[in-house]
Amino acid sequence: MKEKNKKAERAAPVGGVVDGIKKQAGAQKERLRQWSQDRKRKGKKMSEERMKQDGVPQDGAPEQEATAADQEALDAQQAPQTQATAPDAAEWEKKLGEAEQKIVEAEQKIEEYLNLAQRVQADFDNFRRRNNAVRAEAYDEGKRDAVKELLPVLDNIERALASAGEEESALRTGVEMVHRGLMETLKRLGVEAIDRLGEPFDPELENAVLQGGADEGDPGTVCAVLQKGYRVGNRVLRHAMVKVVAG
């Protein structure tokens, strides 16, 4: 319905032009009719004045005979004018028909161009959506690649904290601040750690590199995480290296 309303709004100026042309054609025909009537009245008036100048009697049969003769002369004078007016009217009718035909053709062109514009707009909308999707995927892929390069740095920071022991020192405090800032940054990027200690082994998220004994947990569960894994959403950046209880 909205598309029909838009189409009607765009076609409204054309309808105004069409009405204007039709009004002009009607006015021209009315002017031709009035011009023909004025010519007839002027001819009749000139005939009456000529009769008065020639001294034609005003009463009785002679006047009637003179009036009949003058009427014949007037008709003879007006006949060429009527014949000349008829072709003019026919010509105007022809021009009016041609104008109406052009209006129909213009309306068809307007409809054709409107449909073409709508198709171009739809194609552009599809292109824009595809371009946005490709751009978003390229951005996400670049983000994942950048995070992958940072993961070894994060591993080294965590190893440094583990080797430093529990003793408080300025160096340990500084390393902890760096670690905390890096983890907060990764979290803002949507990065999550894969640390499923004690949960059933999932080959989609983990790589089993060692096998544990029955005393280390339930069969088929992760009994130790040797290296954390990371993921962004449903995309795994790095699988976790784990030790799994034999089962």
C-alpha atoms as a PDB file:
ATOM      1  CA  MET A   1       0.000   0.000   0.000  1.00  0.00           C
ATOM      2  CA  LYS A   2       2.860   2.382   0.819  1.00  0.00           C
ATOM      3  CA  GLU A   3       4.418   1.702  -2.601  1.00  0.00           C
ATOM      4  CA  LYS A   4       1.094   2.481  -4.312  1.00  0.00           C
ATOM      5  CA  ASN A   5       0.806   5.733  -2.352  1.00  0.00           C
ATOM      6  CA  LYS A   6       4.353   6.708  -3.318  1.00  0.00           C
ATOM      7  CA  LYS A   7       3.607   5.900  -6.940  1.00  0.00           C
ATOM      8  CA  ALA A   8       0.431   8.006  -6.832  1.00  0.00           C
ATOM      9  CA  GLU A   9       2.361  10.917  -5.269  1.00  0.00           C
ATOM     10  CA  ARG A  10       5.010  10.772  -7.979  1.00  0.00           C
ATOM     11  CA  ALA A  11       2.355  10.554 -10.728  1.00  0.00           C
ATOM     12  CA  ALA A  12       0.324  13.480  -9.296  1.00  0.00           C
ATOM     13  CA  PRO A  13       2.364  16.218 -11.082  1.00  0.00           C
ATOM     14  CA  VAL A  14       1.832  14.395 -14.378  1.00  0.00           C
ATOM     15  CA  GLY A  15      -1.924  14.325 -13.805  1.00  0.00           C
ATOM     16  CA  GLY A  16      -1.825  18.072 -13.254  1.00  0.00           C
ATOM     17  CA  VAL A  17       0.000  18.587 -16.553  1.00  0.00           C
ATOM     18  CA  VAL A  18      -2.537  16.397 -18.361  1.00  0.00           C
ATOM     19  CA  ASP A  19      -5.467  18.346 -16.915  1.00  0.00           C
ATOM     20  CA  GLY A  20      -3.780  21.607 -17.872  1.00  0.00           C
ATOM     21  CA  ILE A  21      -3.341  20.508 -21.500  1.00  0.00           C
ATOM     22  CA  LYS A  22      -6.947  19.369 -21.706  1.00  0.00           C
ATOM     23  CA  LYS A  23      -8.170  22.685 -20.285  1.00  0.00           C
ATOM     24  CA  GLN A  24      -6.063  24.634 -22.785  1.00  0.00           C
ATOM     25  CA  ALA A  25      -7.439  22.534 -25.664  1.00  0.00           C
ATOM     26  CA  GLY A  26     -11.030  23.099 -24.483  1.00  0.00           C
ATOM     27  CA  ALA A  27     -10.417  26.832 -24.134  1.00  0.00           C
ATOM     28  CA  GLN A  28      -8.963  26.956 -27.652  1.00  0.00           C
ATOM     29  CA  LYS A  29     -12.036  25.213 -29.077  1.00  0.00           C
ATOM     30  CA  GLU A  30     -14.310  27.660 -27.238  1.00  0.00           C
ATOM     31  CA  ARG A  31     -12.325  30.604 -28.649  1.00  0.00           C
ATOM     32  CA  LEU A  32     -12.746  29.169 -32.189  1.00  0.00           C
ATOM     33  CA  ARG A  33     -16.502  28.843 -31.687  1.00  0.00           C
ATOM     34  CA  GLN A  34     -16.816  32.418 -30.408  1.00  0.00           C
ATOM     35  CA  TRP A  35     -14.657  33.701 -33.264  1.00  0.00           C
ATOM     36  CA  SER A  36     -16.950  32.009 -35.809  1.00  0.00           C
ATOM     37  CA  GLN A  37     -20.064  33.483 -34.183  1.00  0.00           C
ATOM     38  CA  ASP A  38     -18.490  36.972 -34.102  1.00  0.00           C
ATOM     39  CA  ARG A  39     -17.675  36.736 -37.808  1.00  0.00           C
ATOM     40  CA  LYS A  40     -21.261  35.836 -38.588  1.00  0.00           C
ATOM     41  CA  ARG A  41     -22.621  38.717 -36.491  1.00  0.00           C
ATOM     42  CA  LYS A  42     -20.223  41.197 -38.082  1.00  0.00           C
ATOM     43  CA  GLY A  43     -21.174  39.996 -41.558  1.00  0.00           C
ATOM     44  CA  LYS A  44     -24.864  40.376 -40.829  1.00  0.00           C
ATOM     45  CA  LYS A  45     -24.338  43.859 -39.393  1.00  0.00           C
ATOM     46  CA  MET A  46     -22.302  44.956 -42.440  1.00  0.00           C
ATOM     47  CA  SER A  47     -25.082  43.677 -44.737  1.00  0.00           C
ATOM     48  CA  GLU A  48     -27.727  45.644 -42.897  1.00  0.00           C
ATOM     49  CA  GLU A  49     -25.636  48.820 -43.039  1.00  0.00           C
ATOM     50  CA  ARG A  50     -25.062  48.317 -46.766  1.00  0.00           C
ATOM     51  CA  MET A  51     -28.788  47.921 -47.333  1.00  0.00           C
ATOM     52  CA  LYS A  52     -29.455  51.179 -45.512  1.00  0.00           C
ATOM     53  CA  GLN A  53     -26.830  53.000 -47.568  1.00  0.00           C
ATOM     54  CA  ASP A  54     -28.377  51.705 -50.846  1.00  0.00           C
ATOM     55  CA  GLY A  55     -31.793  53.076 -49.841  1.00  0.00           C
ATOM     56  CA  VAL A  56     -33.620  49.795 -49.697  1.00  0.00           C
ATOM     57  CA  PRO A  57     -37.267  50.375 -48.596  1.00  0.00           C
ATOM     58  CA  GLN A  58     -38.037  49.463 -45.037  1.00  0.00           C
ATOM     59  CA  ASP A  59     -41.747  48.476 -45.551  1.00  0.00           C
ATOM     60  CA  GLY A  60     -43.687  46.152 -47.851  1.00  0.00           C
ATOM     61  CA  ALA A  61     -42.700  43.390 -50.303  1.00  0.00           C
ATOM     62  CA  PRO A  62     -39.758  45.230 -51.919  1.00  0.00           C
ATOM     63  CA  GLU A  63     -38.034  45.280 -48.543  1.00  0.00           C
ATOM     64  CA  GLN A  64     -38.582  41.537 -48.147  1.00  0.00           C
ATOM     65  CA  GLU A  65     -37.172  40.903 -51.632  1.00  0.00           C
ATOM     66  CA  ALA A  66     -34.159  43.086 -50.899  1.00  0.00           C
ATOM     67  CA  THR A  67     -33.658  41.386 -47.559  1.00  0.00           C
ATOM     68  CA  ALA A  68     -33.764  37.964 -49.222  1.00  0.00           C
ATOM     69  CA  ALA A  69     -31.231  39.089 -51.839  1.00  0.00           C
ATOM     70  CA  ASP A  70     -28.956  40.517 -49.169  1.00  0.00           C
ATOM     71  CA  GLN A  71     -29.258  37.315 -47.151  1.00  0.00           C
ATOM     72  CA  GLU A  72     -28.185  35.300 -50.196  1.00  0.00           C
ATOM     73  CA  ALA A  73     -25.250  37.632 -50.725  1.00  0.00           C
ATOM     74  CA  LEU A  74     -24.354  37.367 -47.035  1.00  0.00           C
ATOM     75  CA  ASP A  75     -24.583  33.581 -47.171  1.00  0.00           C
ATOM     76  CA  ALA A  76     -22.330  33.610 -50.227  1.00  0.00           C
ATOM     77  CA  GLN A  77     -19.809  35.727 -48.324  1.00  0.00           C
ATOM     78  CA  GLN A  78     -19.966  33.588 -45.201  1.00  0.00           C
ATOM     79  CA  ALA A  79     -19.718  30.265 -47.051  1.00  0.00           C
ATOM     80  CA  PRO A  80     -15.942  30.547 -47.653  1.00  0.00           C
ATOM     81  CA  GLN A  81     -15.504  31.645 -44.038  1.00  0.00           C
ATOM     82  CA  THR A  82     -17.417  28.594 -42.801  1.00  0.00           C
ATOM     83  CA  GLN A  83     -15.407  26.359 -45.100  1.00  0.00           C
ATOM     84  CA  ALA A  84     -12.200  27.945 -43.798  1.00  0.00           C
ATOM     85  CA  THR A  85     -13.314  27.556 -40.193  1.00  0.00           C
ATOM     86  CA  ALA A  86     -14.172  23.854 -40.535  1.00  0.00           C
ATOM     87  CA  PRO A  87     -10.615  22.820 -41.469  1.00  0.00           C
ATOM     88  CA  ASP A  88      -9.307  24.887 -38.551  1.00  0.00           C
ATOM     89  CA  ALA A  89     -11.571  23.036 -36.122  1.00  0.00           C
ATOM     90  CA  ALA A  90     -10.586  19.680 -37.633  1.00  0.00           C
ATOM     91  CA  GLU A  91      -6.935  20.618 -37.350  1.00  0.00           C
ATOM     92  CA  TRP A  92      -7.383  21.506 -33.698  1.00  0.00           C
ATOM     93  CA  GLU A  93      -9.176  18.217 -33.094  1.00  0.00           C
ATOM     94  CA  LYS A  94      -6.240  16.430 -34.695  1.00  0.00           C
ATOM     95  CA  LYS A  95      -3.770  18.352 -32.552  1.00  0.00           C
ATOM     96  CA  LEU A  96      -5.818  17.535 -29.453  1.00  0.00           C
ATOM     97  CA  GLY A  97      -5.754  13.847 -30.344  1.00  0.00           C
ATOM     98  CA  GLU A  98      -2.000  13.979 -30.865  1.00  0.00           C
ATOM     99  CA  ALA A  99      -1.562  15.741 -27.507  1.00  0.00           C
ATOM    100  CA  GLU A 100      -3.656  13.090 -25.750  1.00  0.00           C
ATOM    101  CA  GLN A 101      -1.598  10.351 -27.397  1.00  0.00           C
ATOM    102  CA  LYS A 102       1.596  12.010 -26.189  1.00  0.00           C
ATOM    103  CA  ILE A 103       0.144  12.208 -22.692  1.00  0.00           C
ATOM    104  CA  VAL A 104      -0.572   8.462 -22.750  1.00  0.00           C
ATOM    105  CA  GLU A 105       2.962   7.756 -23.969  1.00  0.00           C
ATOM    106  CA  ALA A 106       4.398  10.039 -21.265  1.00  0.00           C
ATOM    107  CA  GLU A 107       2.414   8.221 -18.577  1.00  0.00           C
ATOM    108  CA  GLN A 108       3.724   4.893 -19.874  1.00  0.00           C
ATOM    109  CA  LYS A 109       7.267   6.230 -19.767  1.00  0.00           C
ATOM    110  CA  ILE A 110       6.741   7.481 -16.224  1.00  0.00           C
ATOM    111  CA  GLU A 111       5.535   4.042 -15.150  1.00  0.00           C
ATOM    112  CA  GLU A 112       8.500   2.401 -16.875  1.00  0.00           C
ATOM    113  CA  TYR A 113      11.029   4.741 -15.263  1.00  0.00           C
ATOM    114  CA  LEU A 114       9.371   4.346 -11.860  1.00  0.00           C
ATOM    115  CA  ASN A 115       9.616   0.550 -12.070  1.00  0.00           C
ATOM    116  CA  LEU A 116      13.239   0.853 -13.183  1.00  0.00           C
ATOM    117  CA  ALA A 117      14.039   3.153 -10.247  1.00  0.00           C
ATOM    118  CA  GLN A 118      12.399   0.733  -7.823  1.00  0.00           C
ATOM    119  CA  ARG A 119      14.441  -2.183  -9.202  1.00  0.00           C
ATOM    120  CA  VAL A 120      17.652  -0.175  -8.961  1.00  0.00           C
ATOM    121  CA  GLN A 121      16.785   0.789  -5.373  1.00  0.00           C
ATOM    122  CA  ALA A 122      16.115  -2.848  -4.462  1.00  0.00           C
ATOM    123  CA  ASP A 123      19.401  -3.942  -6.051  1.00  0.00           C
ATOM    124  CA  PHE A 124      21.272  -1.248  -4.154  1.00  0.00           C
ATOM    125  CA  ASP A 125      19.658  -2.282  -0.852  1.00  0.00           C
ATOM    126  CA  ASN A 126      20.711  -5.888  -1.460  1.00  0.00           C
ATOM    127  CA  PHE A 127      24.229  -4.772  -2.322  1.00  0.00           C
ATOM    128  CA  ARG A 128      24.424  -2.654   0.822  1.00  0.00           C
ATOM    129  CA  ARG A 129      23.301  -5.561   3.015  1.00  0.00           C
ATOM    130  CA  ARG A 130      25.811  -7.917   1.407  1.00  0.00           C
ATOM    131  CA  ASN A 131      28.561  -5.334   1.757  1.00  0.00           C
ATOM    132  CA  ASN A 132      27.745  -4.778   5.419  1.00  0.00           C
ATOM    133  CA  ALA A 133      27.798  -8.527   6.072  1.00  0.00           C
ATOM    134  CA  VAL A 134      31.150  -8.929   4.300  1.00  0.00           C
ATOM    135  CA  ARG A 135      32.601  -5.955   6.167  1.00  0.00           C
ATOM    136  CA  ALA A 136      31.406  -7.301   9.534  1.00  0.00           C
ATOM    137  CA  GLU A 137      32.873 -10.734   8.785  1.00  0.00           C
ATOM    138  CA  ALA A 138      36.176  -9.187   7.720  1.00  0.00           C
ATOM    139  CA  TYR A 139      36.290  -7.158  10.946  1.00  0.00           C
ATOM    140  CA  ASP A 140      35.576 -10.233  13.086  1.00  0.00           C
ATOM    141  CA  GLU A 141      38.203 -12.259  11.235  1.00  0.00           C
ATOM    142  CA  GLY A 142      40.798  -9.533  11.773  1.00  0.00           C
ATOM    143  CA  LYS A 143      39.908  -9.349  15.466  1.00  0.00           C
ATOM    144  CA  ARG A 144      40.296 -13.111  15.863  1.00  0.00           C
ATOM    145  CA  ASP A 145      43.674 -13.087  14.122  1.00  0.00           C
ATOM    146  CA  ALA A 146      44.901 -10.260  16.384  1.00  0.00           C
ATOM    147  CA  VAL A 147      43.765 -12.079  19.537  1.00  0.00           C
ATOM    148  CA  LYS A 148      45.489 -15.288  18.430  1.00  0.00           C
ATOM    149  CA  GLU A 149      48.778 -13.403  18.263  1.00  0.00           C
ATOM    150  CA  LEU A 150      48.251 -12.131  21.833  1.00  0.00           C
ATOM    151  CA  LEU A 151      47.539 -15.532  23.386  1.00  0.00           C
ATOM    152  CA  PRO A 152      51.228 -16.603  23.678  1.00  0.00           C
ATOM    153  CA  VAL A 153      51.958 -13.293  25.435  1.00  0.00           C
ATOM    154  CA  LEU A 154      49.119 -14.007  27.871  1.00  0.00           C
ATOM    155  CA  ASP A 155      50.519 -17.512  28.510  1.00  0.00           C
ATOM    156  CA  ASN A 156      53.943 -16.082  29.356  1.00  0.00           C
ATOM    157  CA  ILE A 157      52.417 -13.534  31.755  1.00  0.00           C
ATOM    158  CA  GLU A 158      50.525 -16.306  33.573  1.00  0.00           C
ATOM    159  CA  ARG A 159      53.686 -18.448  33.746  1.00  0.00           C
ATOM    160  CA  ALA A 160      55.572 -15.503  35.230  1.00  0.00           C
ATOM    161  CA  LEU A 161      52.900 -15.068  37.915  1.00  0.00           C
ATOM    162  CA  ALA A 162      52.949 -18.788  38.713  1.00  0.00           C
ATOM    163  CA  SER A 163      56.753 -18.854  39.092  1.00  0.00           C
ATOM    164  CA  ALA A 164      56.809 -15.740  41.276  1.00  0.00           C
ATOM    165  CA  GLY A 165      55.139 -17.575  44.153  1.00  0.00           C
ATOM    166  CA  GLU A 166      52.943 -15.912  46.757  1.00  0.00           C
ATOM    167  CA  GLU A 167      55.496 -13.399  47.989  1.00  0.00           C
ATOM    168  CA  GLU A 168      54.363  -9.822  47.472  1.00  0.00           C
ATOM    169  CA  SER A 169      56.686  -7.563  45.501  1.00  0.00           C
ATOM    170  CA  ALA A 170      56.524  -4.524  43.273  1.00  0.00           C
ATOM    171  CA  LEU A 171      57.397  -6.681  40.253  1.00  0.00           C
ATOM    172  CA  ARG A 172      54.604  -9.145  40.976  1.00  0.00           C
ATOM    173  CA  THR A 173      52.137  -6.298  41.488  1.00  0.00           C
ATOM    174  CA  GLY A 174      53.114  -4.773  38.158  1.00  0.00           C
ATOM    175  CA  VAL A 175      52.774  -8.084  36.312  1.00  0.00           C
ATOM    176  CA  GLU A 176      49.370  -8.668  37.904  1.00  0.00           C
ATOM    177  CA  MET A 177      48.213  -5.234  36.714  1.00  0.00           C
ATOM    178  CA  VAL A 178      49.355  -6.033  33.188  1.00  0.00           C
ATOM    179  CA  HIS A 179      47.600  -9.399  33.306  1.00  0.00           C
ATOM    180  CA  ARG A 180      44.409  -7.882  34.654  1.00  0.00           C
ATOM    181  CA  GLY A 181      44.380  -5.131  32.006  1.00  0.00           C
ATOM    182  CA  LEU A 182      44.981  -7.636  29.203  1.00  0.00           C
ATOM    183  CA  MET A 183      42.178  -9.900  30.406  1.00  0.00           C
ATOM    184  CA  GLU A 184      39.753  -6.962  30.629  1.00  0.00           C
ATOM    185  CA  THR A 185      40.636  -5.952  27.080  1.00  0.00           C
ATOM    186  CA  LEU A 186      40.068  -9.474  25.771  1.00  0.00           C
ATOM    187  CA  LYS A 187      36.753  -9.613  27.595  1.00  0.00           C
ATOM    188  CA  ARG A 188      35.592  -6.413  25.882  1.00  0.00           C
ATOM    189  CA  LEU A 189      36.469  -8.056  22.567  1.00  0.00           C
ATOM    190  CA  GLY A 190      34.236 -11.001  23.459  1.00  0.00           C
ATOM    191  CA  VAL A 191      37.078 -13.451  24.218  1.00  0.00           C
ATOM    192  CA  GLU A 192      36.330 -16.210  26.740  1.00  0.00           C
ATOM    193  CA  ALA A 193      38.684 -18.748  28.292  1.00  0.00           C
ATOM    194  CA  ILE A 194      38.017 -22.481  27.846  1.00  0.00           C
ATOM    195  CA  ASP A 195      38.718 -23.950  31.275  1.00  0.00           C
ATOM    196  CA  ARG A 196      36.491 -26.982  31.878  1.00  0.00           C
ATOM    197  CA  LEU A 197      38.276 -28.743  34.700  1.00  0.00           C
ATOM    198  CA  GLY A 198      36.217 -31.663  36.044  1.00  0.00           C
ATOM    199  CA  GLU A 199      33.749 -31.577  33.144  1.00  0.00           C
ATOM    200  CA  PRO A 200      33.285 -34.251  30.456  1.00  0.00           C
ATOM    201  CA  PHE A 201      35.829 -34.068  27.644  1.00  0.00           C
ATOM    202  CA  ASP A 202      34.573 -32.189  24.559  1.00  0.00           C
ATOM    203  CA  PRO A 203      36.663 -32.693  21.395  1.00  0.00           C
ATOM    204  CA  GLU A 204      35.111 -29.534  19.903  1.00  0.00           C
ATOM    205  CA  LEU A 205      36.784 -27.445  22.613  1.00  0.00           C
ATOM    206  CA  GLU A 206      39.752 -29.460  23.869  1.00  0.00           C
ATOM    207  CA  ASN A 207      42.690 -31.544  22.770  1.00  0.00           C
ATOM    208  CA  ALA A 208      43.533 -34.496  25.009  1.00  0.00           C
ATOM    209  CA  VAL A 209      47.329 -34.761  25.279  1.00  0.00           C
ATOM    210  CA  LEU A 210      47.615 -36.878  28.452  1.00  0.00           C
ATOM    211  CA  GLN A 211      45.652 -39.708  30.044  1.00  0.00           C
ATOM    212  CA  GLY A 212      44.922 -39.743  33.757  1.00  0.00           C
ATOM    213  CA  GLY A 213      44.311 -42.614  36.147  1.00  0.00           C
ATOM    214  CA  ALA A 214      41.061 -43.699  37.717  1.00  0.00           C
ATOM    215  CA  ASP A 215      42.012 -42.046  41.001  1.00  0.00           C
ATOM    216  CA  GLU A 216      42.107 -38.598  39.329  1.00  0.00           C
ATOM    217  CA  GLY A 217      38.398 -38.340  38.619  1.00  0.00           C
ATOM    218  CA  ASP A 218      35.428 -39.803  36.797  1.00  0.00           C
ATOM    219  CA  PRO A 219      36.156 -41.617  33.550  1.00  0.00           C
ATOM    220  CA  GLY A 220      36.057 -39.338  30.508  1.00  0.00           C
ATOM    221  CA  THR A 221      36.402 -36.113  32.480  1.00  0.00           C
ATOM    222  CA  VAL A 222      39.088 -33.444  32.335  1.00  0.00           C
ATOM    223  CA  CYS A 223      41.382 -33.885  35.314  1.00  0.00           C
ATOM    224  CA  ALA A 224      43.953 -31.217  34.423  1.00  0.00           C
ATOM    225  CA  VAL A 225      44.225 -28.185  32.117  1.00  0.00           C
ATOM    226  CA  LEU A 226      47.741 -27.897  30.735  1.00  0.00           C
ATOM    227  CA  GLN A 227      47.014 -24.860  28.542  1.00  0.00           C
ATOM    228  CA  LYS A 228      43.888 -22.741  28.474  1.00  0.00           C
ATOM    229  CA  GLY A 229      41.831 -22.500  25.337  1.00  0.00           C
ATOM    230  CA  TYR A 230      40.025 -19.399  24.118  1.00  0.00           C
ATOM    231  CA  ARG A 231      37.001 -18.683  21.951  1.00  0.00           C
ATOM    232  CA  VAL A 232      34.991 -15.750  20.605  1.00  0.00           C
ATOM    233  CA  GLY A 233      31.315 -16.610  20.572  1.00  0.00           C
ATOM    234  CA  ASN A 234      31.028 -19.990  18.876  1.00  0.00           C
ATOM    235  CA  ARG A 235      34.414 -19.718  17.133  1.00  0.00           C
ATOM    236  CA  VAL A 236      37.299 -21.459  18.873  1.00  0.00           C
ATOM    237  CA  LEU A 237      40.530 -19.456  18.704  1.00  0.00           C
ATOM    238  CA  ARG A 238      42.632 -22.110  20.377  1.00  0.00           C
ATOM    239  CA  HIS A 239      41.674 -25.515  21.774  1.00  0.00           C
ATOM    240  CA  ALA A 240      42.570 -26.211  25.384  1.00  0.00           C
ATOM    241  CA  MET A 241      45.296 -28.784  26.069  1.00  0.00           C
ATOM    242  CA  VAL A 242      43.949 -31.132  28.741  1.00  0.00           C
ATOM    243  CA  LYS A 243      44.523 -34.378  30.593  1.00  0.00           C
ATOM    244  CA  VAL A 244      41.567 -36.764  30.484  1.00  0.00           C
ATOM    245  CA  VAL A 245      40.746 -39.619  32.879  1.00  0.00           C
ATOM    246  CA  ALA A 246      40.776 -42.958  31.103  1.00  0.00           C
ATOM    247  CA  GLY A 247      37.435 -44.598  30.857  1.00  0.00           C
END
